[in-house]
């Protein structure tokens, strides 16, 4: 009824269909909220995070999307920027990454 070639072909077809569906379902979004602190505005930390995620199989533009928000200041004046970023992205984001004490004022 079924020969070995047709069974192998079906297995390959199913693995392609299910693997692409799995990758699509696992797409992640990460929002970085950074402050303008010299020298690099935390860009080395962002780049390091992206490199580590790439080593774990997350390819930017394929199964992970990064959003980078740079606030206007590194003090309390940036609270509205942080609040806006959270309001803009909270429903579609898997992870917010921020550094600094200013974001603590926005925790709800």
Protein backbone atom coordinates (compact mmCIF):
# COMPACT_ATOMS: atom_id res chain seq x y z
CA UNK A 1 0.00 0.00 0.00
CA UNK A 2 2.57 2.59 1.10
CA UNK A 3 6.15 2.24 0.05
CA UNK A 4 9.09 3.55 2.00
CA UNK A 5 9.63 6.52 -0.32
CA UNK A 6 6.06 7.83 0.13
CA UNK A 7 6.28 7.50 3.91
CA UNK A 8 9.58 9.41 4.00
CA UNK A 9 8.14 12.06 1.67
CA UNK A 10 5.11 12.50 3.94
CA UNK A 11 7.33 12.79 7.02
CA UNK A 12 9.45 15.46 5.35
CA UNK A 13 6.37 17.36 4.22
CA UNK A 14 4.84 17.29 7.71
CA UNK A 15 8.09 18.36 9.34
CA UNK A 16 8.36 21.34 6.99
CA UNK A 17 4.77 22.38 7.60
CA UNK A 18 4.92 21.98 11.37
CA UNK A 19 8.39 23.48 11.80
CA UNK A 20 7.44 26.67 9.95
CA UNK A 21 4.20 26.90 11.94
CA UNK A 22 6.19 26.41 15.16
CA UNK A 23 8.71 29.13 14.27
CA UNK A 24 5.91 31.54 13.38
CA UNK A 25 4.07 30.81 16.62
CA UNK A 26 7.22 31.37 18.66
CA UNK A 27 8.05 34.85 17.29
CA UNK A 28 8.96 37.17 20.13
CA UNK A 29 9.08 40.93 20.59
CA UNK A 30 11.52 42.62 22.95
CA UNK A 31 11.39 46.34 23.76
CA UNK A 32 14.52 48.05 25.06
CA UNK A 33 14.03 51.29 26.96
CA UNK A 34 17.35 53.11 27.24
CA UNK A 35 18.51 56.37 28.68
CA UNK A 36 20.98 58.80 27.08
CA UNK A 37 23.94 58.14 29.32
CA UNK A 38 27.35 58.71 27.74
CA UNK A 39 29.33 57.10 26.17
CA UNK A 40 27.20 54.52 24.40
CA UNK A 41 23.65 54.96 25.80
CA UNK A 42 23.75 51.30 26.91
CA UNK A 43 24.13 50.21 23.26
CA UNK A 44 26.83 47.67 24.19
CA UNK A 45 24.34 45.98 26.53
CA UNK A 46 21.68 45.91 23.79
CA UNK A 47 24.14 44.48 21.27
CA UNK A 48 25.30 41.88 23.79
CA UNK A 49 21.73 40.79 24.45
CA UNK A 50 21.03 40.48 20.71
CA UNK A 51 24.22 38.44 20.20
CA UNK A 52 23.27 36.08 23.02
CA UNK A 53 19.76 35.64 21.62
CA UNK A 54 21.22 34.92 18.17
CA UNK A 55 23.34 32.15 19.71
CA UNK A 56 20.11 30.67 21.07
CA UNK A 57 18.52 30.63 17.61
CA UNK A 58 16.60 33.91 17.60
CA UNK A 59 17.19 35.64 14.27
CA UNK A 60 16.24 39.31 14.16
CA UNK A 61 13.47 39.85 11.63
CA UNK A 62 12.56 36.16 11.51
CA UNK A 63 11.57 34.91 14.94
CA UNK A 64 12.35 37.94 17.09
CA UNK A 65 11.68 41.65 16.74
CA UNK A 66 13.53 44.31 18.69
CA UNK A 67 12.14 47.75 19.43
CA UNK A 68 14.62 50.29 20.74
CA UNK A 69 13.35 53.32 22.68
CA UNK A 70 15.82 56.03 23.66
CA UNK A 71 14.36 58.44 26.19
CA UNK A 72 15.03 62.18 26.19
CA UNK A 73 16.90 62.22 29.49
CA UNK A 74 18.36 60.01 32.18
CA UNK A 75 16.35 61.54 35.01
CA UNK A 76 12.71 61.97 36.06
CA UNK A 77 12.00 64.01 32.92
CA UNK A 78 12.05 60.72 30.99
CA UNK A 79 9.11 59.24 32.93
CA UNK A 80 6.61 60.29 30.21
CA UNK A 81 8.85 58.65 27.56
CA UNK A 82 8.92 55.39 29.52
CA UNK A 83 5.16 55.50 30.11
CA UNK A 84 4.52 56.12 26.41
CA UNK A 85 6.77 53.22 25.37
CA UNK A 86 4.93 50.87 27.72
CA UNK A 87 1.53 52.14 26.56
CA UNK A 88 2.53 51.75 22.90
CA UNK A 89 3.93 48.23 23.21
CA UNK A 90 2.44 46.51 26.27
CA UNK A 91 -0.11 44.40 24.39
CA UNK A 92 2.29 42.97 21.82
CA UNK A 93 5.55 42.71 23.74
CA UNK A 94 6.93 39.58 25.33
CA UNK A 95 9.65 41.34 27.30
CA UNK A 96 10.61 44.87 28.31
CA UNK A 97 14.26 45.43 29.10
CA UNK A 98 15.28 48.62 30.81
CA UNK A 99 18.03 49.78 33.05
CA UNK A 100 18.09 52.57 35.51
CA UNK A 101 16.00 53.74 38.38
CA UNK A 102 13.68 55.97 36.31
CA UNK A 103 11.61 53.01 35.14
CA UNK A 104 10.74 52.19 38.72
CA UNK A 105 8.43 55.22 38.75
CA UNK A 106 6.38 53.64 35.96
CA UNK A 107 5.85 50.17 37.44
CA UNK A 108 2.17 49.38 37.78
